[in-house]
Amino acid sequence: MKILITGKNGQVGSCLVDQLSKMSDVTFLALDRDQLDITDVIEVNKIVAVFNPNIIINAAAYTAVDKAEQESELAYAINRDGAHNLAIAANDINAAIIHISTDYVFNGDSPESYTESDVTAPQGEYGRSKLAGEQAVAQACPKHIILRTAWVFGEHGNNFVKTMLRLAKTRDTLGVVADQFGGPTYAGDIANAILTISKQITPDNHAYGIYHFSGFPHVNWHTFAERIFEMALEQNVLIQPIQVNPITTLDYLTPAKRPANSRLNCDKIYNAFGIKQSDWKRALVRIKEYS
């Protein structure tokens, strides 16, 4: 199997490289934005044609949720047009593409966990650009897996866990939103899920389409923060406790509106590929690696 990875320095891309480096039966080429600008269709076609992968994993994305409100053209260029370029290139060589998407394609108003067939209604430019990317990939390459995930954290890149640990070094009290719910998802588990799917993409298994993969149990940001600080104290990452006060979304206004409900139903991916939800509590056991 030959795999081409974009966005190798991101949270998921870094984990993909770490895991693939330990697999002797896979040849892979991992590129960052300086090595491959996915918005450049000529460059994309050239690299894909030369490497000739069986699978393209698109882990590249514009993820600055608030800045996307002012930089919508850039968000669409990367999240829609770049994804489309990769999907067309994959289709041209009869390869499959695995594209990472987000819970932000939903408006967050549902009282239930979102399934893959629920109606999408993104609230901001980031979510709209990611939904446009999903549609572009699906239209350009029949052999596609679109993997929606949420609340990603890990050793690499910027994320909520790292932000909490950084703030805790200079403050003894924090206010954290308690009316937004979701499933924190460890980036290494996303990478493992993607590689598990990759191994099962065979002539006899054409389970292409949209899948959800995120963490469990579902919590709000306040509860997640409390757990982060508990683990940090246990492992001496923090010296003294920090008080975490619950606040509402209205108390912490941002340029882009966040979904109140980011809970994703992950039954489909388990039934198709045997992939269980990410255990974010287990991942926090290694909290020293995030500090």
Protein backbone atom coordinates (compact mmCIF):
# COMPACT_ATOMS: atom_id res chain seq x y z
CA MET A 1 0.00 0.00 0.00
CA LYS A 2 1.20 3.52 -0.88
CA ILE A 3 -0.25 6.46 1.05
CA LEU A 4 0.13 10.18 0.36
CA ILE A 5 -0.49 12.44 3.37
CA THR A 6 -1.07 16.18 3.29
CA GLY A 7 -0.78 18.39 6.36
CA LYS A 8 1.91 16.25 7.96
CA ASN A 9 2.70 18.79 10.70
CA GLY A 10 -0.86 19.15 11.96
CA GLN A 11 -2.35 17.34 14.93
CA VAL A 12 -3.56 14.32 12.96
CA GLY A 13 -0.90 14.46 10.27
CA SER A 14 1.89 14.22 12.84
CA CYS A 15 0.25 11.19 14.43
CA LEU A 16 -0.19 9.55 11.04
CA VAL A 17 3.53 9.95 10.35
CA ASP A 18 4.41 8.56 13.80
CA GLN A 19 2.25 5.48 13.30
CA LEU A 20 3.17 4.84 9.67
CA SER A 21 6.87 5.06 10.52
CA LYS A 22 6.39 1.86 12.55
CA MET A 23 4.63 -0.04 9.74
CA SER A 24 6.95 -1.91 7.40
CA ASP A 25 4.25 -2.91 4.93
CA VAL A 26 3.29 0.63 3.91
CA THR A 27 5.14 3.14 1.75
CA PHE A 28 4.13 6.69 2.48
CA LEU A 29 4.93 10.24 1.45
CA ALA A 30 3.98 12.93 3.97
CA LEU A 31 4.11 16.58 2.96
CA ASP A 32 3.51 19.90 4.72
CA ARG A 33 2.18 23.11 3.22
CA ASP A 34 5.68 24.22 2.11
CA GLN A 35 6.16 20.97 0.22
CA LEU A 36 2.67 20.80 -1.28
CA ASP A 37 0.25 23.69 -1.68
CA ILE A 38 -3.00 21.81 -2.16
CA THR A 39 -4.61 24.92 -3.68
CA ASP A 40 -2.17 24.63 -6.62
CA VAL A 41 -3.83 22.13 -8.94
CA ILE A 42 -0.75 21.73 -11.16
CA GLU A 43 1.46 20.95 -8.17
CA VAL A 44 -1.09 18.50 -6.76
CA ASN A 45 -1.44 16.65 -10.06
CA LYS A 46 2.32 16.43 -10.49
CA ILE A 47 3.04 14.97 -7.06
CA VAL A 48 0.12 12.53 -7.18
CA ALA A 49 1.07 11.32 -10.65
CA VAL A 50 4.71 10.77 -9.70
CA PHE A 51 4.08 9.07 -6.33
CA ASN A 52 1.01 7.19 -7.58
CA PRO A 53 -0.57 6.35 -4.18
CA ASN A 54 -3.37 3.90 -3.50
CA ILE A 55 -4.80 6.26 -0.90
CA ILE A 56 -4.59 10.02 -0.35
CA ILE A 57 -5.18 11.17 3.23
CA ASN A 58 -6.04 14.85 3.37
CA ALA A 59 -5.10 16.09 6.83
CA ALA A 60 -4.46 19.62 5.58
CA ALA A 61 -7.02 22.24 6.56
CA TYR A 62 -7.67 25.83 7.48
CA THR A 63 -8.81 25.50 11.10
CA ALA A 64 -8.77 29.07 12.49
CA VAL A 65 -12.48 29.12 13.30
CA ASP A 66 -12.72 32.78 14.31
CA LYS A 67 -10.28 34.18 11.74
CA ALA A 68 -12.27 32.40 9.02
CA GLU A 69 -15.00 35.02 9.49
CA GLN A 70 -12.58 37.59 8.00
CA GLU A 71 -10.50 35.19 5.88
CA SER A 72 -13.28 33.26 4.18
CA GLU A 73 -11.54 33.27 0.79
CA LEU A 74 -8.48 31.57 2.27
CA ALA A 75 -10.63 29.11 4.22
CA TYR A 76 -12.50 28.10 1.07
CA ALA A 77 -9.30 27.93 -0.97
CA ILE A 78 -7.84 25.34 1.39
CA ASN A 79 -10.90 23.53 2.76
CA ARG A 80 -12.90 23.35 -0.48
CA ASP A 81 -10.65 23.96 -3.47
CA GLY A 82 -7.60 22.18 -2.08
CA ALA A 83 -9.68 19.16 -1.08
CA HIS A 84 -11.28 19.17 -4.54
CA ASN A 85 -7.87 19.21 -6.23
CA LEU A 86 -6.76 16.17 -4.23
CA ALA A 87 -10.00 14.30 -4.92
CA ILE A 88 -9.75 14.87 -8.67
CA ALA A 89 -6.13 13.73 -8.65
CA ALA A 90 -7.11 10.61 -6.68
CA ASN A 91 -9.89 9.80 -9.11
CA ASP A 92 -7.56 10.23 -12.09
CA ILE A 93 -5.33 7.39 -10.85
CA ASN A 94 -8.19 5.29 -9.40
CA ALA A 95 -7.03 5.93 -5.83
CA ALA A 96 -9.20 6.44 -2.75
CA ILE A 97 -9.21 9.64 -0.71
CA ILE A 98 -9.77 9.95 3.05
CA HIS A 99 -10.74 13.50 3.94
CA ILE A 100 -11.00 14.84 7.51
CA SER A 101 -14.00 17.06 8.29
CA THR A 102 -15.68 18.49 11.36
CA ASP A 103 -18.69 18.72 13.64
CA TYR A 104 -18.99 22.37 12.58
CA VAL A 105 -20.99 21.29 9.53
CA PHE A 106 -23.94 21.04 11.95
CA ASN A 107 -25.65 23.97 13.69
CA GLY A 108 -25.57 22.25 17.10
CA ASP A 109 -29.26 22.73 17.82
CA SER A 110 -30.22 19.05 17.88
CA PRO A 111 -30.95 17.47 21.29
CA GLU A 112 -29.50 14.18 20.03
CA SER A 113 -26.09 13.02 18.85
CA TYR A 114 -25.64 13.75 15.17
CA THR A 115 -25.67 10.90 12.65
CA GLU A 116 -24.09 11.01 9.23
CA SER A 117 -27.47 11.45 7.56
CA ASP A 118 -28.61 14.42 9.66
CA VAL A 119 -29.15 17.72 7.89
CA THR A 120 -26.08 19.96 7.79
CA ALA A 121 -26.38 23.67 8.59
CA PRO A 122 -23.03 25.27 9.44
CA GLN A 123 -23.17 28.54 11.36
CA GLY A 124 -19.88 30.13 10.32
CA GLU A 125 -17.42 30.46 7.47
CA TYR A 126 -15.18 27.70 8.79
CA GLY A 127 -18.04 25.20 8.92
CA ARG A 128 -19.38 26.31 5.55
CA SER A 129 -15.93 25.92 3.95
CA LYS A 130 -15.56 22.42 5.43
CA LEU A 131 -19.00 21.37 4.23
CA ALA A 132 -18.14 22.69 0.76
CA GLY A 133 -15.00 20.56 0.94
CA GLU A 134 -17.02 17.46 1.80
CA GLN A 135 -19.28 18.06 -1.18
CA ALA A 136 -16.38 18.74 -3.52
CA VAL A 137 -14.60 15.53 -2.49
CA ALA A 138 -17.73 13.40 -2.82
CA GLN A 139 -18.49 14.78 -6.27
CA ALA A 140 -14.95 14.43 -7.61
CA CYS A 141 -14.00 10.97 -6.34
CA PRO A 142 -16.48 8.09 -5.78
CA LYS A 143 -13.86 6.25 -3.73
CA HIS A 144 -14.00 8.62 -0.77
CA ILE A 145 -14.15 8.42 3.01
CA ILE A 146 -15.14 11.64 4.74
CA LEU A 147 -14.33 11.44 8.43
CA ARG A 148 -16.02 14.01 10.66
CA THR A 149 -14.45 14.51 14.06
CA ALA A 150 -14.57 17.03 16.92
CA TRP A 151 -12.66 18.62 19.80
CA VAL A 152 -9.28 17.28 18.65
CA PHE A 153 -6.31 17.31 21.01
CA GLY A 154 -2.88 15.71 21.12
CA GLU A 155 0.84 16.18 21.50
CA HIS A 156 1.24 18.22 18.32
CA GLY A 157 -0.14 21.59 17.28
CA ASN A 158 -2.47 23.87 19.21
CA ASN A 159 -5.49 22.54 21.08
CA PHE A 160 -7.69 22.98 24.14
CA VAL A 161 -5.59 20.77 26.42
CA LYS A 162 -2.43 22.74 25.71
CA THR A 163 -4.26 26.04 26.15
CA MET A 164 -5.62 25.00 29.55
CA LEU A 165 -2.21 23.85 30.76
CA ARG A 166 -0.60 27.06 29.56
CA LEU A 167 -3.17 29.28 31.25
CA ALA A 168 -2.93 27.30 34.48
CA LYS A 169 0.72 28.29 34.83
CA THR A 170 -0.16 31.95 35.27
CA ARG A 171 -3.67 31.87 36.78
CA ASP A 172 -5.35 30.28 39.76
CA THR A 173 -8.91 30.72 38.44
CA LEU A 174 -10.40 30.11 35.00
CA GLY A 175 -13.87 30.43 33.50
CA VAL A 176 -14.71 27.68 31.03
CA VAL A 177 -17.84 27.28 28.91
CA ALA A 178 -20.26 24.71 30.32
CA ASP A 179 -23.15 24.83 27.82
CA GLN A 180 -21.38 23.35 24.78
CA PHE A 181 -21.22 19.55 24.65
CA GLY A 182 -19.12 17.16 22.60
CA GLY A 183 -16.65 14.31 22.58
CA PRO A 184 -12.97 15.21 23.02
CA THR A 185 -10.98 13.24 20.46
CA TYR A 186 -7.33 12.22 20.74
CA ALA A 187 -5.49 12.90 17.47
CA GLY A 188 -3.61 9.61 17.72
CA ASP A 189 -6.92 7.76 17.78
CA ILE A 190 -8.07 9.62 14.67
CA ALA A 191 -4.86 8.58 12.92
CA ASN A 192 -5.35 4.98 14.03
CA ALA A 193 -8.95 5.04 12.79
CA ILE A 194 -7.83 6.35 9.40
CA LEU A 195 -5.18 3.66 9.04
CA THR A 196 -7.65 0.97 10.14
CA ILE A 197 -9.99 2.14 7.38
CA SER A 198 -7.11 2.27 4.90
CA LYS A 199 -6.31 -1.38 5.49
CA GLN A 200 -9.93 -2.35 4.86
CA ILE A 201 -10.31 -0.46 1.58
CA THR A 202 -10.08 -3.43 -0.75
CA PRO A 203 -11.83 -4.56 -3.96
CA ASP A 204 -14.20 -6.54 -1.72
CA ASN A 205 -14.95 -3.69 0.71
CA HIS A 206 -16.39 -0.56 -0.84
CA ALA A 207 -17.78 1.04 2.30
CA TYR A 208 -17.21 4.55 1.02
CA GLY A 209 -19.08 7.60 2.30
CA ILE A 210 -19.31 9.80 5.39
CA TYR A 211 -18.40 8.56 8.88
CA HIS A 212 -18.28 10.09 12.34
CA PHE A 213 -15.42 9.47 14.75
CA SER A 214 -15.04 11.30 18.06
CA GLY A 215 -14.46 10.72 21.75
CA PHE A 216 -16.59 9.34 24.55
CA PRO A 217 -18.00 9.99 27.10
CA HIS A 218 -19.58 13.23 25.95
CA VAL A 219 -18.88 16.19 28.21
CA ASN A 220 -18.92 19.98 28.21
CA TRP A 221 -15.78 22.08 27.99
CA HIS A 222 -15.89 22.84 31.74
CA THR A 223 -15.93 19.16 32.71
CA PHE A 224 -13.17 18.43 30.20
CA ALA A 225 -11.04 21.21 31.71
CA GLU A 226 -11.58 19.88 35.22
CA ARG A 227 -10.38 16.44 34.13
CA ILE A 228 -7.32 17.96 32.45
CA PHE A 229 -6.32 19.73 35.65
CA GLU A 230 -6.98 16.62 37.76
CA MET A 231 -4.59 14.59 35.60
CA ALA A 232 -2.05 17.43 35.53
CA LEU A 233 -1.99 17.54 39.33
CA GLU A 234 -1.67 13.77 39.62
CA GLN A 235 1.33 13.79 37.28
CA ASN A 236 2.94 16.90 38.76
CA VAL A 237 2.46 18.91 35.59
CA LEU A 238 0.72 21.45 37.85
CA ILE A 239 1.94 22.22 41.34
CA GLN A 240 -1.30 23.55 42.81
CA PRO A 241 -5.01 23.19 42.03
CA ILE A 242 -6.81 25.68 39.82
CA GLN A 243 -10.41 26.76 40.29
CA VAL A 244 -12.52 26.19 37.17
CA ASN A 245 -15.74 28.19 37.11
CA PRO A 246 -18.56 27.26 34.71
CA ILE A 247 -19.62 30.06 32.34
CA THR A 248 -22.07 30.28 29.45
CA THR A 249 -21.44 30.84 25.76
CA LEU A 250 -22.87 34.33 26.18
CA ASP A 251 -20.19 35.02 28.81
CA TYR A 252 -17.45 34.22 26.29
CA LEU A 253 -18.46 35.70 22.95
CA THR A 254 -16.35 34.86 19.90
CA PRO A 255 -16.48 36.08 16.27
CA ALA A 256 -17.69 32.65 15.12
CA LYS A 257 -20.62 30.89 16.75
CA ARG A 258 -19.81 27.45 18.20
CA PRO A 259 -22.26 24.51 18.10
CA ALA A 260 -23.95 23.95 21.45
CA ASN A 261 -24.13 20.25 20.60
CA SER A 262 -21.09 18.67 18.94
CA ARG A 263 -21.93 15.12 19.98
CA LEU A 264 -21.39 12.74 17.07
CA ASN A 265 -23.03 9.33 16.80
CA CYS A 266 -20.28 6.87 15.89
CA ASP A 267 -22.30 3.68 15.37
CA LYS A 268 -21.76 3.64 11.61
CA ILE A 269 -17.96 3.53 11.74
CA TYR A 270 -18.08 0.75 14.32
CA ASN A 271 -20.50 -1.33 12.25
CA ALA A 272 -18.51 -0.84 9.04
CA PHE A 273 -14.92 -1.06 10.29
CA GLY A 274 -15.05 -2.20 13.93
CA ILE A 275 -13.66 1.13 15.14
CA LYS A 276 -14.61 2.15 18.68
CA GLN A 277 -14.88 5.74 19.88
CA SER A 278 -11.80 7.53 21.16
CA ASP A 279 -11.20 7.14 24.89
CA TRP A 280 -10.13 10.67 25.75
CA LYS A 281 -9.71 9.88 29.45
CA ARG A 282 -7.14 7.23 28.60
CA ALA A 283 -5.32 9.68 26.34
CA LEU A 284 -5.05 12.22 29.17
CA VAL A 285 -3.01 9.74 31.19
CA ARG A 286 -0.06 10.95 29.08
CA ILE A 287 -0.75 14.59 29.86
CA LYS A 288 2.95 15.35 30.38
CA GLU A 289 3.37 14.97 26.62
CA TYR A 290 0.96 17.87 26.00
CA SER A 291 2.60 20.38 28.33
